[in-house]
Protein backbone atom coordinates (compact mmCIF):
# COMPACT_ATOMS: atom_id res chain seq x y z
CA UNK A 1 -0.01 0.08 0.05
CA UNK A 2 2.00 3.04 -1.25
CA UNK A 3 1.47 6.28 0.59
CA UNK A 4 1.39 9.51 -1.41
CA UNK A 5 2.13 11.62 1.76
CA UNK A 6 5.42 10.99 3.52
CA UNK A 7 3.79 12.09 6.81
CA UNK A 8 1.19 9.29 6.56
CA UNK A 9 3.82 6.59 5.82
CA UNK A 10 5.76 7.74 8.93
CA UNK A 11 2.69 7.57 11.14
CA UNK A 12 1.79 4.20 9.89
CA UNK A 13 5.30 2.84 10.39
CA UNK A 14 5.41 4.34 13.98
CA UNK A 15 2.08 2.81 14.91
CA UNK A 16 3.06 -0.59 13.40
CA UNK A 17 6.29 -0.74 15.48
CA UNK A 18 4.57 0.51 18.69
CA UNK A 19 1.93 -2.28 18.21
CA UNK A 20 4.65 -4.90 17.85
CA UNK A 21 6.47 -3.57 20.91
CA UNK A 22 3.33 -3.46 22.97
CA UNK A 23 2.16 -7.01 22.07
CA UNK A 24 5.67 -8.26 23.07
CA UNK A 25 5.69 -6.42 26.37
CA UNK A 26 2.30 -7.39 27.30
CA UNK A 27 3.32 -11.01 26.94
CA UNK A 28 6.67 -10.66 28.68
CA UNK A 29 6.22 -7.93 31.20
CA UNK A 30 6.18 -6.58 33.82
CA UNK A 31 9.54 -5.60 35.26
CA UNK A 32 11.57 -8.59 36.44
CA UNK A 33 12.81 -6.89 39.52
CA UNK A 34 9.74 -5.03 41.07
CA UNK A 35 6.79 -6.12 38.96
CA UNK A 36 6.00 -2.65 37.60
CA UNK A 37 4.09 -2.79 34.36
CA UNK A 38 4.66 0.70 33.32
CA UNK A 39 7.62 2.57 31.79
CA UNK A 40 9.52 -0.62 30.80
CA UNK A 41 12.86 -0.72 29.00
CA UNK A 42 14.68 -3.50 27.24
CA UNK A 43 17.84 -4.27 29.14
CA UNK A 44 20.50 -6.55 27.51
CA UNK A 45 21.46 -9.65 29.30
CA UNK A 46 24.62 -9.84 27.22
CA UNK A 47 26.33 -6.34 27.40
CA UNK A 48 28.83 -6.90 24.68
CA UNK A 49 26.35 -8.18 22.01
CA UNK A 50 25.62 -6.00 19.09
CA UNK A 51 22.32 -4.08 19.21
CA UNK A 52 20.14 -2.62 16.64
CA UNK A 53 17.50 0.21 16.81
CA UNK A 54 15.58 -1.65 14.30
CA UNK A 55 14.54 -4.52 16.54
CA UNK A 56 10.97 -4.21 16.12
CA UNK A 57 10.83 -4.10 12.40
CA UNK A 58 12.88 -7.34 11.96
CA UNK A 59 11.19 -10.55 10.76
CA UNK A 60 9.33 -12.43 13.49
CA UNK A 61 11.86 -15.28 13.76
CA UNK A 62 14.81 -13.00 13.93
CA UNK A 63 13.10 -10.49 16.19
CA UNK A 64 12.24 -13.26 18.68
CA UNK A 65 15.86 -14.57 18.61
CA UNK A 66 17.25 -11.09 19.44
CA UNK A 67 14.72 -10.44 22.08
CA UNK A 68 15.95 -13.51 24.02
CA UNK A 69 18.92 -11.54 24.80
CA UNK A 70 16.89 -8.86 26.72
CA UNK A 71 14.99 -8.56 29.83
CA UNK A 72 12.29 -5.93 30.82
CA UNK A 73 13.26 -3.51 33.49
CA UNK A 74 11.66 -0.25 34.71
């Protein structure tokens, strides 16, 4: 579905990525230390592993493989 307006495409992509993140967080939250379900961050369990800011746009299998290297903390 091509967008004629660049801003519409950006808004669609932001909503799509936010929905993917929210779905994963709802299944894997809350914070593992205190149980807080709000304001969660992905925290790497392997500090030296390479990270990508495009995590949520990866294909499902690759994304889940990468997410195994993180925990949720507030």
